[in-house]
Amino acid sequence: MKKNLNIIAIALVLLAGSLMSCQDDYYFDGGLSDGKLNVSTYDFLVEKQRYFDTLLWVIDENNLKDLVNAENSTFFAPQNGAFKLFIDKLELDPVPKSLEELPASVKDTLGLLLKKYMISEEVMRVDIPEKGKIETTNANGEPVSVFFANSPRGGIPGYGPKSVVYSATVQVPNINTGILEEQERFSVMSTTDLESTNGVVHIVSVSYTFGF
């Protein structure tokens, strides 16, 4: 039953993401991009600061540039809005007016969570099996997986556009007991297969909160 609910949740979010994906930059067109970037992963983010200036700040504050630019790596890049959703959920008091005003503990948490989006091998769409998943570990040594899911079309699951999904396990407090429990969470990519000079970049859909 839980597995079925997870599948339904993925389908609903895929549908929502497809409605939000029309943007004016071909890197963020909601579909497959087949672009060689001719720059490192980090420099690509610098070139696209309109979408990634918060991500760049987190990378710099936590000294993660070398990890982002690691050879033969894959980075699932969250966009600016994902970080705002995460910070808003913290309900900090006083409310920080800038990233620089975030408590040191929050900065550390952002860096730790960001490492969940990095894996030390290149994964392109062509590498993902039609059925099943790629199972590996992220930069924190935690198990993660990459697989395909289909958006529902015409009300029929499995017949819509195929999207790349990145899944990780996170610690979530039980709403009744407050005890931390492991749950599998996922992010759907809006754009895939961007080839930097050191690895692969996939762009996480704008509809996702940072940290899964």
N, C-alpha and C. Protein backbone atom coordinates (compact mmCIF):
# COMPACT_ATOMS: atom_id res chain seq x y z
N MET A 1 0.83 -1.21 0.00
CA MET A 1 0.00 0.00 0.00
C MET A 1 0.86 1.25 0.00
N LYS A 2 1.92 1.24 0.85
CA LYS A 2 2.81 2.39 0.92
C LYS A 2 3.48 2.61 -0.42
N LYS A 3 3.91 1.50 -1.09
CA LYS A 3 4.56 1.63 -2.38
C LYS A 3 3.61 2.24 -3.40
N ASN A 4 2.34 1.83 -3.38
CA ASN A 4 1.36 2.38 -4.30
C ASN A 4 1.16 3.87 -4.08
N LEU A 5 1.13 4.28 -2.80
CA LEU A 5 0.97 5.70 -2.50
C LEU A 5 2.16 6.50 -3.00
N ASN A 6 3.37 5.93 -2.90
CA ASN A 6 4.56 6.61 -3.39
C ASN A 6 4.49 6.79 -4.90
N ILE A 7 4.03 5.77 -5.61
CA ILE A 7 3.89 5.85 -7.07
C ILE A 7 2.88 6.92 -7.45
N ILE A 8 1.76 6.97 -6.73
CA ILE A 8 0.75 8.00 -7.00
C ILE A 8 1.31 9.39 -6.75
N ALA A 9 2.08 9.53 -5.66
CA ALA A 9 2.66 10.83 -5.33
C ALA A 9 3.61 11.29 -6.41
N ILE A 10 4.46 10.37 -6.91
CA ILE A 10 5.38 10.72 -7.98
C ILE A 10 4.60 11.15 -9.22
N ALA A 11 3.56 10.43 -9.55
CA ALA A 11 2.78 10.76 -10.74
C ALA A 11 2.16 12.14 -10.64
N LEU A 12 1.61 12.47 -9.46
CA LEU A 12 0.98 13.78 -9.28
C LEU A 12 1.98 14.91 -9.39
N VAL A 13 3.17 14.71 -8.80
CA VAL A 13 4.18 15.77 -8.86
C VAL A 13 4.73 15.91 -10.26
N LEU A 14 4.89 14.80 -10.98
CA LEU A 14 5.32 14.88 -12.36
C LEU A 14 4.34 15.70 -13.19
N LEU A 15 3.05 15.49 -12.96
CA LEU A 15 2.04 16.25 -13.68
C LEU A 15 2.14 17.73 -13.35
N ALA A 16 2.31 18.04 -12.07
CA ALA A 16 2.45 19.45 -11.66
C ALA A 16 3.69 20.06 -12.27
N GLY A 17 4.79 19.31 -12.28
CA GLY A 17 6.03 19.82 -12.84
C GLY A 17 5.92 20.10 -14.32
N SER A 18 5.17 19.24 -15.04
CA SER A 18 5.03 19.45 -16.48
C SER A 18 4.25 20.71 -16.79
N LEU A 19 3.35 21.13 -15.90
CA LEU A 19 2.58 22.35 -16.10
C LEU A 19 3.40 23.59 -15.79
N MET A 20 4.50 23.44 -15.04
CA MET A 20 5.30 24.58 -14.61
C MET A 20 6.59 24.72 -15.40
N SER A 21 6.81 23.88 -16.41
CA SER A 21 8.14 23.75 -16.98
C SER A 21 8.42 24.66 -18.16
N CYS A 22 7.47 25.42 -18.65
CA CYS A 22 7.69 26.25 -19.82
C CYS A 22 8.42 27.52 -19.42
N GLN A 23 9.71 27.61 -19.79
CA GLN A 23 10.51 28.77 -19.47
C GLN A 23 11.28 29.19 -20.71
N ASP A 24 11.92 30.38 -20.66
CA ASP A 24 12.52 30.95 -21.85
C ASP A 24 13.96 30.56 -22.07
N ASP A 25 14.51 29.68 -21.28
CA ASP A 25 15.89 29.25 -21.41
C ASP A 25 15.90 27.78 -21.79
N TYR A 26 16.63 27.43 -22.87
CA TYR A 26 16.51 26.06 -23.35
C TYR A 26 17.05 25.05 -22.35
N TYR A 27 17.88 25.48 -21.42
CA TYR A 27 18.35 24.57 -20.39
C TYR A 27 17.24 24.19 -19.42
N PHE A 28 16.16 24.95 -19.42
CA PHE A 28 15.10 24.73 -18.44
C PHE A 28 13.75 24.60 -19.16
N ASP A 29 13.76 23.80 -20.22
CA ASP A 29 12.56 23.73 -21.06
C ASP A 29 11.62 22.62 -20.64
N GLY A 30 11.93 21.93 -19.55
CA GLY A 30 11.04 20.89 -19.07
C GLY A 30 11.25 19.55 -19.73
N GLY A 31 12.19 19.48 -20.67
CA GLY A 31 12.39 18.22 -21.36
C GLY A 31 13.85 17.83 -21.42
N LEU A 32 14.19 17.04 -22.43
CA LEU A 32 15.54 16.55 -22.60
C LEU A 32 16.40 17.60 -23.27
N SER A 33 17.55 17.90 -22.69
CA SER A 33 18.51 18.79 -23.32
C SER A 33 19.76 17.99 -23.63
N ASP A 34 20.34 18.22 -24.79
CA ASP A 34 21.49 17.45 -25.22
C ASP A 34 22.66 18.39 -25.44
N GLY A 35 23.02 19.18 -24.40
CA GLY A 35 24.00 20.23 -24.59
C GLY A 35 25.34 19.93 -23.94
N LYS A 36 26.42 20.17 -24.69
CA LYS A 36 27.76 20.17 -24.10
C LYS A 36 28.03 21.58 -23.60
N LEU A 37 28.34 21.72 -22.33
CA LEU A 37 28.45 23.04 -21.71
C LEU A 37 29.79 23.71 -21.99
N ASN A 38 30.83 22.91 -22.21
CA ASN A 38 32.18 23.43 -22.48
C ASN A 38 32.76 24.24 -21.31
N VAL A 39 32.19 24.08 -20.15
CA VAL A 39 32.72 24.67 -18.92
C VAL A 39 32.51 23.66 -17.80
N SER A 40 33.15 23.89 -16.66
CA SER A 40 32.97 23.01 -15.51
C SER A 40 31.55 23.15 -14.97
N THR A 41 31.17 22.20 -14.13
CA THR A 41 29.84 22.27 -13.51
C THR A 41 29.68 23.56 -12.72
N TYR A 42 30.68 23.92 -11.94
CA TYR A 42 30.60 25.15 -11.14
C TYR A 42 30.47 26.37 -12.03
N ASP A 43 31.26 26.45 -13.09
CA ASP A 43 31.21 27.62 -13.98
C ASP A 43 29.88 27.70 -14.72
N PHE A 44 29.28 26.56 -15.02
CA PHE A 44 27.94 26.58 -15.61
C PHE A 44 26.95 27.24 -14.66
N LEU A 45 27.02 26.90 -13.38
CA LEU A 45 26.13 27.51 -12.39
C LEU A 45 26.36 29.02 -12.32
N VAL A 46 27.62 29.44 -12.41
CA VAL A 46 27.95 30.87 -12.41
C VAL A 46 27.32 31.56 -13.62
N GLU A 47 27.38 30.91 -14.77
CA GLU A 47 26.79 31.48 -15.98
C GLU A 47 25.28 31.62 -15.87
N LYS A 48 24.66 30.78 -15.05
CA LYS A 48 23.19 30.76 -14.92
C LYS A 48 22.77 31.21 -13.52
N GLN A 49 23.39 32.27 -13.02
CA GLN A 49 23.11 32.73 -11.66
C GLN A 49 21.65 33.12 -11.46
N ARG A 50 20.98 33.45 -12.53
CA ARG A 50 19.54 33.77 -12.42
C ARG A 50 18.78 32.64 -11.72
N TYR A 51 19.24 31.42 -11.94
CA TYR A 51 18.59 30.24 -11.37
C TYR A 51 19.34 29.67 -10.17
N PHE A 52 20.64 29.97 -10.07
CA PHE A 52 21.49 29.23 -9.13
C PHE A 52 22.30 30.08 -8.17
N ASP A 53 21.98 31.36 -7.96
CA ASP A 53 22.85 32.16 -7.09
C ASP A 53 22.79 31.68 -5.64
N THR A 54 21.64 31.20 -5.17
CA THR A 54 21.58 30.65 -3.80
C THR A 54 22.38 29.35 -3.71
N LEU A 55 22.27 28.51 -4.71
CA LEU A 55 23.06 27.28 -4.75
C LEU A 55 24.55 27.60 -4.70
N LEU A 56 24.98 28.58 -5.46
CA LEU A 56 26.39 28.96 -5.47
C LEU A 56 26.84 29.45 -4.10
N TRP A 57 25.97 30.18 -3.42
CA TRP A 57 26.30 30.67 -2.08
C TRP A 57 26.50 29.49 -1.12
N VAL A 58 25.63 28.50 -1.19
CA VAL A 58 25.75 27.33 -0.33
C VAL A 58 27.05 26.57 -0.64
N ILE A 59 27.36 26.43 -1.93
CA ILE A 59 28.60 25.76 -2.32
C ILE A 59 29.82 26.49 -1.76
N ASP A 60 29.84 27.81 -1.92
CA ASP A 60 31.00 28.59 -1.48
C ASP A 60 31.13 28.60 0.04
N GLU A 61 30.02 28.75 0.75
CA GLU A 61 30.04 28.81 2.21
C GLU A 61 30.52 27.49 2.83
N ASN A 62 30.28 26.40 2.11
CA ASN A 62 30.63 25.08 2.65
C ASN A 62 31.84 24.45 1.94
N ASN A 63 32.55 25.27 1.14
CA ASN A 63 33.77 24.81 0.47
C ASN A 63 33.54 23.53 -0.34
N LEU A 64 32.47 23.54 -1.14
CA LEU A 64 32.10 22.35 -1.91
C LEU A 64 32.43 22.47 -3.40
N LYS A 65 33.13 23.52 -3.80
CA LYS A 65 33.41 23.72 -5.23
C LYS A 65 34.17 22.54 -5.82
N ASP A 66 35.21 22.07 -5.12
CA ASP A 66 35.99 20.96 -5.66
C ASP A 66 35.15 19.70 -5.79
N LEU A 67 34.22 19.49 -4.88
CA LEU A 67 33.35 18.32 -4.94
C LEU A 67 32.39 18.43 -6.12
N VAL A 68 31.84 19.63 -6.33
CA VAL A 68 30.95 19.87 -7.47
C VAL A 68 31.69 19.65 -8.79
N ASN A 69 32.98 20.00 -8.80
CA ASN A 69 33.78 19.88 -10.01
C ASN A 69 34.58 18.57 -10.08
N ALA A 70 34.24 17.61 -9.24
CA ALA A 70 34.95 16.33 -9.26
C ALA A 70 34.81 15.65 -10.62
N GLU A 71 35.88 15.00 -11.07
CA GLU A 71 35.86 14.33 -12.37
C GLU A 71 34.87 13.17 -12.37
N ASN A 72 34.19 13.02 -13.51
CA ASN A 72 33.27 11.90 -13.73
C ASN A 72 32.17 11.85 -12.66
N SER A 73 31.67 13.01 -12.26
CA SER A 73 30.62 13.08 -11.25
C SER A 73 29.30 13.51 -11.87
N THR A 74 28.24 13.33 -11.12
CA THR A 74 26.91 13.78 -11.54
C THR A 74 26.34 14.67 -10.44
N PHE A 75 25.79 15.81 -10.85
CA PHE A 75 25.21 16.76 -9.90
C PHE A 75 23.76 17.00 -10.28
N PHE A 76 22.86 16.77 -9.33
CA PHE A 76 21.44 17.06 -9.51
C PHE A 76 21.21 18.44 -8.91
N ALA A 77 21.15 19.47 -9.73
CA ALA A 77 21.24 20.85 -9.28
C ALA A 77 19.88 21.44 -8.90
N PRO A 78 19.69 21.79 -7.62
CA PRO A 78 18.45 22.45 -7.19
C PRO A 78 18.48 23.93 -7.58
N GLN A 79 17.31 24.47 -7.92
CA GLN A 79 17.22 25.87 -8.29
C GLN A 79 16.92 26.74 -7.06
N ASN A 80 17.01 28.07 -7.25
CA ASN A 80 16.88 29.01 -6.14
C ASN A 80 15.61 28.81 -5.31
N GLY A 81 14.49 28.61 -5.99
CA GLY A 81 13.22 28.50 -5.28
C GLY A 81 13.17 27.35 -4.29
N ALA A 82 13.94 26.28 -4.58
CA ALA A 82 13.96 25.13 -3.69
C ALA A 82 14.53 25.49 -2.32
N PHE A 83 15.54 26.37 -2.32
CA PHE A 83 16.15 26.78 -1.05
C PHE A 83 15.22 27.68 -0.26
N LYS A 84 14.49 28.56 -0.96
CA LYS A 84 13.54 29.43 -0.27
C LYS A 84 12.46 28.62 0.42
N LEU A 85 11.96 27.59 -0.26
CA LEU A 85 10.94 26.73 0.36
C LEU A 85 11.48 26.06 1.61
N PHE A 86 12.73 25.60 1.56
CA PHE A 86 13.34 24.94 2.71
C PHE A 86 13.51 25.91 3.88
N ILE A 87 14.05 27.09 3.61
CA ILE A 87 14.30 28.07 4.68
C ILE A 87 12.99 28.56 5.28
N ASP A 88 11.98 28.75 4.44
CA ASP A 88 10.67 29.18 4.95
C ASP A 88 10.09 28.16 5.93
N LYS A 89 10.32 26.88 5.66
CA LYS A 89 9.79 25.83 6.54
C LYS A 89 10.45 25.84 7.92
N LEU A 90 11.64 26.43 8.01
CA LEU A 90 12.34 26.47 9.30
C LEU A 90 11.69 27.46 10.27
N GLU A 91 10.95 28.42 9.73
CA GLU A 91 10.26 29.44 10.53
C GLU A 91 11.23 30.10 11.53
N LEU A 92 12.34 30.58 11.01
CA LEU A 92 13.36 31.21 11.84
C LEU A 92 12.86 32.52 12.44
N ASP A 93 13.26 32.78 13.66
CA ASP A 93 12.87 34.00 14.37
C ASP A 93 14.11 34.58 15.06
N PRO A 94 14.57 35.76 14.62
CA PRO A 94 13.96 36.63 13.61
C PRO A 94 14.16 36.08 12.19
N VAL A 95 13.31 36.51 11.29
CA VAL A 95 13.41 36.08 9.90
C VAL A 95 14.64 36.73 9.27
N PRO A 96 15.57 35.94 8.72
CA PRO A 96 16.77 36.52 8.11
C PRO A 96 16.41 37.33 6.87
N LYS A 97 17.06 38.48 6.71
CA LYS A 97 16.81 39.34 5.56
C LYS A 97 17.72 38.99 4.39
N SER A 98 18.73 38.19 4.65
CA SER A 98 19.65 37.78 3.59
C SER A 98 20.25 36.43 3.97
N LEU A 99 20.88 35.78 3.02
CA LEU A 99 21.52 34.50 3.30
C LEU A 99 22.61 34.64 4.34
N GLU A 100 23.30 35.77 4.33
CA GLU A 100 24.38 35.99 5.28
C GLU A 100 23.90 36.02 6.73
N GLU A 101 22.61 36.27 6.93
CA GLU A 101 22.06 36.33 8.28
C GLU A 101 21.59 34.97 8.79
N LEU A 102 21.71 33.94 7.98
CA LEU A 102 21.31 32.61 8.43
C LEU A 102 22.23 32.14 9.55
N PRO A 103 21.69 31.46 10.56
CA PRO A 103 22.53 30.90 11.62
C PRO A 103 23.57 29.94 11.06
N ALA A 104 24.71 29.84 11.72
CA ALA A 104 25.77 28.94 11.26
C ALA A 104 25.28 27.50 11.15
N SER A 105 24.40 27.09 12.05
CA SER A 105 23.88 25.71 12.02
C SER A 105 23.07 25.45 10.76
N VAL A 106 22.35 26.47 10.30
CA VAL A 106 21.56 26.31 9.07
C VAL A 106 22.49 26.23 7.86
N LYS A 107 23.53 27.06 7.83
CA LYS A 107 24.50 27.00 6.74
C LYS A 107 25.13 25.62 6.66
N ASP A 108 25.49 25.05 7.82
CA ASP A 108 26.08 23.72 7.85
C ASP A 108 25.10 22.67 7.34
N THR A 109 23.84 22.81 7.74
CA THR A 109 22.81 21.87 7.31
C THR A 109 22.61 21.94 5.80
N LEU A 110 22.60 23.14 5.24
CA LEU A 110 22.45 23.31 3.80
C LEU A 110 23.58 22.61 3.05
N GLY A 111 24.80 22.72 3.57
CA GLY A 111 25.94 22.06 2.94
C GLY A 111 25.84 20.55 3.01
N LEU A 112 25.43 20.04 4.15
CA LEU A 112 25.29 18.59 4.32
C LEU A 112 24.20 18.04 3.40
N LEU A 113 23.09 18.75 3.31
CA LEU A 113 21.99 18.32 2.45
C LEU A 113 22.38 18.40 0.98
N LEU A 114 23.17 19.41 0.63
CA LEU A 114 23.55 19.56 -0.78
C LEU A 114 24.37 18.37 -1.26
N LYS A 115 25.15 17.77 -0.38
CA LYS A 115 25.96 16.62 -0.75
C LYS A 115 25.09 15.41 -1.12
N LYS A 116 23.82 15.45 -0.71
CA LYS A 116 22.90 14.39 -1.10
C LYS A 116 22.65 14.40 -2.61
N TYR A 117 22.90 15.54 -3.26
CA TYR A 117 22.62 15.70 -4.69
C TYR A 117 23.83 15.39 -5.57
N MET A 118 24.89 14.87 -4.99
CA MET A 118 26.12 14.61 -5.73
C MET A 118 26.46 13.13 -5.68
N ILE A 119 26.82 12.56 -6.83
CA ILE A 119 27.29 11.19 -6.87
C ILE A 119 28.60 11.14 -7.67
N SER A 120 29.45 10.18 -7.36
CA SER A 120 30.79 10.15 -7.91
C SER A 120 30.91 9.29 -9.16
N GLU A 121 29.87 9.23 -9.95
CA GLU A 121 29.91 8.57 -11.25
C GLU A 121 28.99 9.31 -12.21
N GLU A 122 29.27 9.21 -13.49
CA GLU A 122 28.45 9.89 -14.48
C GLU A 122 27.21 9.05 -14.80
N VAL A 123 26.04 9.68 -14.71
CA VAL A 123 24.79 9.00 -15.03
C VAL A 123 24.04 9.84 -16.05
N MET A 124 23.91 9.31 -17.26
CA MET A 124 23.13 9.93 -18.33
C MET A 124 21.82 9.16 -18.50
N ARG A 125 20.88 9.78 -19.20
CA ARG A 125 19.60 9.10 -19.44
C ARG A 125 19.81 7.72 -20.07
N VAL A 126 20.75 7.63 -21.01
CA VAL A 126 20.97 6.37 -21.71
C VAL A 126 21.44 5.27 -20.76
N ASP A 127 21.99 5.65 -19.62
CA ASP A 127 22.49 4.66 -18.66
C ASP A 127 21.38 4.08 -17.77
N ILE A 128 20.23 4.75 -17.72
CA ILE A 128 19.15 4.34 -16.81
C ILE A 128 18.32 3.24 -17.47
N PRO A 129 18.11 2.13 -16.80
CA PRO A 129 17.32 1.05 -17.41
C PRO A 129 15.85 1.45 -17.57
N GLU A 130 15.22 0.90 -18.59
CA GLU A 130 13.80 1.19 -18.82
C GLU A 130 12.97 0.70 -17.64
N LYS A 131 13.37 -0.40 -17.06
CA LYS A 131 12.71 -0.91 -15.86
C LYS A 131 13.80 -1.13 -14.81
N GLY A 132 13.46 -0.85 -13.57
CA GLY A 132 14.46 -0.95 -12.53
C GLY A 132 15.11 0.40 -12.28
N LYS A 133 16.29 0.40 -11.66
CA LYS A 133 16.93 1.65 -11.28
C LYS A 133 18.44 1.47 -11.15
N ILE A 134 19.14 2.58 -11.19
CA ILE A 134 20.55 2.61 -10.86
C ILE A 134 20.67 2.88 -9.37
N GLU A 135 21.38 2.04 -8.66
CA GLU A 135 21.57 2.23 -7.23
C GLU A 135 23.04 2.54 -6.96
N THR A 136 23.27 3.62 -6.22
CA THR A 136 24.63 4.05 -5.92
C THR A 136 24.62 4.78 -4.57
N THR A 137 25.66 5.55 -4.28
CA THR A 137 25.70 6.34 -3.05
C THR A 137 26.01 7.79 -3.37
N ASN A 138 25.55 8.69 -2.50
CA ASN A 138 25.84 10.10 -2.70
C ASN A 138 27.13 10.49 -1.97
N ALA A 139 27.43 11.79 -1.97
CA ALA A 139 28.69 12.26 -1.38
C ALA A 139 28.72 12.12 0.13
N ASN A 140 27.59 11.82 0.76
CA ASN A 140 27.54 11.53 2.19
C ASN A 140 27.67 10.04 2.47
N GLY A 141 27.79 9.24 1.41
CA GLY A 141 27.88 7.79 1.58
C GLY A 141 26.53 7.13 1.79
N GLU A 142 25.45 7.84 1.50
CA GLU A 142 24.10 7.31 1.70
C GLU A 142 23.57 6.68 0.40
N PRO A 143 22.73 5.64 0.50
CA PRO A 143 22.19 5.02 -0.71
C PRO A 143 21.21 5.94 -1.44
N VAL A 144 21.34 5.99 -2.76
CA VAL A 144 20.44 6.78 -3.61
C VAL A 144 20.15 5.96 -4.86
N SER A 145 19.15 6.37 -5.60
CA SER A 145 18.82 5.66 -6.83
C SER A 145 18.33 6.64 -7.89
N VAL A 146 18.49 6.22 -9.15
CA VAL A 146 18.05 7.02 -10.30
C VAL A 146 17.20 6.12 -11.17
N PHE A 147 16.02 6.59 -11.56
CA PHE A 147 15.13 5.75 -12.35
C PHE A 147 14.19 6.63 -13.17
N PHE A 148 13.41 6.00 -14.02
CA PHE A 148 12.43 6.69 -14.85
C PHE A 148 11.04 6.59 -14.23
N ALA A 149 10.26 7.65 -14.41
CA ALA A 149 8.83 7.62 -14.07
C ALA A 149 8.08 8.35 -15.17
N ASN A 150 6.84 7.94 -15.41
CA ASN A 150 6.02 8.55 -16.44
C ASN A 150 4.95 9.44 -15.86
N SER A 151 4.79 10.63 -16.44
CA SER A 151 3.67 11.49 -16.06
C SER A 151 2.38 10.87 -16.60
N PRO A 152 1.27 11.02 -15.86
CA PRO A 152 0.00 10.51 -16.38
C PRO A 152 -0.46 11.36 -17.56
N ARG A 153 -1.01 10.73 -18.56
CA ARG A 153 -1.56 11.45 -19.72
C ARG A 153 -2.95 10.90 -19.99
N GLY A 154 -3.90 11.82 -20.13
CA GLY A 154 -5.27 11.38 -20.36
C GLY A 154 -5.83 10.62 -19.18
N GLY A 155 -5.27 10.88 -17.98
CA GLY A 155 -5.74 10.19 -16.79
C GLY A 155 -5.20 8.79 -16.64
N ILE A 156 -4.30 8.38 -17.55
CA ILE A 156 -3.78 7.02 -17.51
C ILE A 156 -2.31 7.06 -17.10
N PRO A 157 -1.96 6.58 -15.91
CA PRO A 157 -0.55 6.56 -15.49
C PRO A 157 0.30 5.72 -16.43
N GLY A 158 1.54 6.16 -16.67
CA GLY A 158 2.49 5.38 -17.45
C GLY A 158 2.47 5.66 -18.93
N TYR A 159 1.61 6.58 -19.41
CA TYR A 159 1.52 6.86 -20.83
C TYR A 159 1.94 8.28 -21.19
N GLY A 160 2.48 9.01 -20.23
CA GLY A 160 2.90 10.38 -20.50
C GLY A 160 4.40 10.47 -20.68
N PRO A 161 4.93 11.70 -20.68
CA PRO A 161 6.38 11.91 -20.85
C PRO A 161 7.18 11.20 -19.75
N LYS A 162 8.35 10.71 -20.12
CA LYS A 162 9.20 9.98 -19.19
C LYS A 162 10.21 10.95 -18.57
N SER A 163 10.26 10.97 -17.24
CA SER A 163 11.15 11.88 -16.53
C SER A 163 12.16 11.10 -15.70
N VAL A 164 13.32 11.73 -15.48
CA VAL A 164 14.34 11.15 -14.62
C VAL A 164 14.04 11.52 -13.17
N VAL A 165 14.04 10.53 -12.29
CA VAL A 165 13.77 10.72 -10.87
C VAL A 165 15.00 10.33 -10.06
N TYR A 166 15.35 11.19 -9.10
CA TYR A 166 16.48 10.93 -8.21
C TYR A 166 15.93 10.74 -6.81
N SER A 167 16.26 9.62 -6.18
CA SER A 167 15.66 9.27 -4.90
C SER A 167 16.72 9.12 -3.83
N ALA A 168 16.43 9.60 -2.62
CA ALA A 168 17.35 9.48 -1.49
C ALA A 168 16.55 9.22 -0.22
N THR A 169 17.23 8.67 0.77
CA THR A 169 16.61 8.42 2.07
C THR A 169 16.91 9.58 3.00
N VAL A 170 15.89 10.09 3.67
CA VAL A 170 16.06 11.21 4.61
C VAL A 170 15.45 10.85 5.96
N GLN A 171 15.91 11.56 7.00
CA GLN A 171 15.37 11.39 8.34
C GLN A 171 14.20 12.36 8.53
N VAL A 172 13.02 11.84 8.82
CA VAL A 172 11.82 12.65 8.97
C VAL A 172 11.17 12.35 10.31
N PRO A 173 10.82 13.37 11.12
CA PRO A 173 10.18 13.09 12.41
C PRO A 173 8.76 12.56 12.23
N ASN A 174 8.42 11.53 12.97
CA ASN A 174 7.07 11.00 12.99
C ASN A 174 6.13 12.05 13.57
N ILE A 175 5.02 12.33 12.88
CA ILE A 175 4.13 13.41 13.32
C ILE A 175 3.47 13.11 14.66
N ASN A 176 3.43 11.85 15.04
CA ASN A 176 2.79 11.48 16.30
C ASN A 176 3.78 11.38 17.45
N THR A 177 4.97 10.82 17.18
CA THR A 177 5.94 10.58 18.26
C THR A 177 7.11 11.55 18.27
N GLY A 178 7.36 12.19 17.12
CA GLY A 178 8.51 13.08 17.02
C GLY A 178 9.82 12.34 16.80
N ILE A 179 9.79 11.01 16.79
CA ILE A 179 10.97 10.20 16.59
C ILE A 179 11.36 10.20 15.11
N LEU A 180 12.66 10.36 14.83
CA LEU A 180 13.12 10.38 13.45
C LEU A 180 12.97 9.00 12.81
N GLU A 181 12.43 9.00 11.60
CA GLU A 181 12.27 7.77 10.84
C GLU A 181 12.83 7.97 9.44
N GLU A 182 13.35 6.91 8.85
CA GLU A 182 13.87 7.00 7.49
C GLU A 182 12.72 6.89 6.49
N GLN A 183 12.71 7.83 5.53
CA GLN A 183 11.72 7.78 4.47
C GLN A 183 12.43 8.02 3.14
N GLU A 184 11.96 7.35 2.10
CA GLU A 184 12.51 7.58 0.77
C GLU A 184 11.80 8.77 0.15
N ARG A 185 12.58 9.76 -0.28
CA ARG A 185 12.04 10.94 -0.93
C ARG A 185 12.63 11.05 -2.33
N PHE A 186 12.02 11.84 -3.20
CA PHE A 186 12.47 11.89 -4.58
C PHE A 186 12.40 13.31 -5.13
N SER A 187 13.20 13.56 -6.15
CA SER A 187 13.15 14.79 -6.93
C SER A 187 13.07 14.42 -8.40
N VAL A 188 12.26 15.15 -9.15
CA VAL A 188 12.12 14.92 -10.58
C VAL A 188 12.91 15.97 -11.35
N MET A 189 13.59 15.56 -12.40
CA MET A 189 14.41 16.48 -13.18
C MET A 189 13.57 17.19 -14.25
N SER A 190 13.81 18.48 -14.42
CA SER A 190 13.16 19.22 -15.50
C SER A 190 14.02 19.22 -16.76
N THR A 191 15.33 19.10 -16.60
CA THR A 191 16.26 19.07 -17.73
C THR A 191 17.38 18.09 -17.40
N THR A 192 17.81 17.33 -18.39
CA THR A 192 18.82 16.30 -18.14
C THR A 192 19.93 16.35 -19.16
N ASP A 193 21.00 15.60 -18.85
CA ASP A 193 22.10 15.35 -19.79
C ASP A 193 22.86 16.59 -20.23
N LEU A 194 23.10 17.52 -19.32
CA LEU A 194 24.00 18.63 -19.60
C LEU A 194 25.41 18.16 -19.26
N GLU A 195 26.29 18.16 -20.25
CA GLU A 195 27.64 17.62 -20.08
C GLU A 195 28.64 18.74 -19.81
N SER A 196 29.11 18.82 -18.58
CA SER A 196 30.16 19.78 -18.25
C SER A 196 31.52 19.18 -18.58
N THR A 197 32.58 19.94 -18.40
CA THR A 197 33.91 19.41 -18.70
C THR A 197 34.37 18.39 -17.67
N ASN A 198 33.66 18.30 -16.53
CA ASN A 198 34.06 17.32 -15.52
C ASN A 198 33.01 16.25 -15.23
N GLY A 199 31.81 16.41 -15.74
CA GLY A 199 30.78 15.42 -15.43
C GLY A 199 29.45 15.74 -16.07
N VAL A 200 28.38 15.40 -15.35
CA VAL A 200 27.02 15.55 -15.85
C VAL A 200 26.20 16.40 -14.89
N VAL A 201 25.34 17.24 -15.44
CA VAL A 201 24.43 18.05 -14.63
C VAL A 201 22.99 17.75 -15.06
N HIS A 202 22.14 17.47 -14.07
CA HIS A 202 20.70 17.38 -14.29
C HIS A 202 20.05 18.47 -13.43
N ILE A 203 19.01 19.12 -13.94
CA ILE A 203 18.37 20.22 -13.23
C ILE A 203 17.09 19.74 -12.55
N VAL A 204 17.00 19.97 -11.24
CA VAL A 204 15.81 19.57 -10.48
C VAL A 204 14.66 20.52 -10.79
N SER A 205 13.47 19.97 -10.96
CA SER A 205 12.28 20.77 -11.24
C SER A 205 12.06 21.84 -10.16
N VAL A 206 11.54 22.99 -10.57
CA VAL A 206 11.32 24.12 -9.65
C VAL A 206 10.27 23.81 -8.59
N SER A 207 9.50 22.75 -8.75
CA SER A 207 8.42 22.47 -7.82
C SER A 207 8.88 21.72 -6.56
N TYR A 208 10.20 21.48 -6.41
CA TYR A 208 10.70 20.68 -5.30
C TYR A 208 11.38 21.51 -4.23
N THR A 209 11.12 21.16 -2.98
CA THR A 209 11.80 21.78 -1.85
C THR A 209 13.19 21.18 -1.70
N PHE A 210 14.18 22.02 -1.43
CA PHE A 210 15.54 21.54 -1.22
C PHE A 210 15.58 20.54 -0.06
N GLY A 211 16.45 19.54 -0.16
CA GLY A 211 16.56 18.52 0.87
C GLY A 211 15.61 17.37 0.70
N PHE A 212 14.92 17.34 -0.46
CA PHE A 212 13.94 16.30 -0.79
C PHE A 212 12.66 16.48 0.03
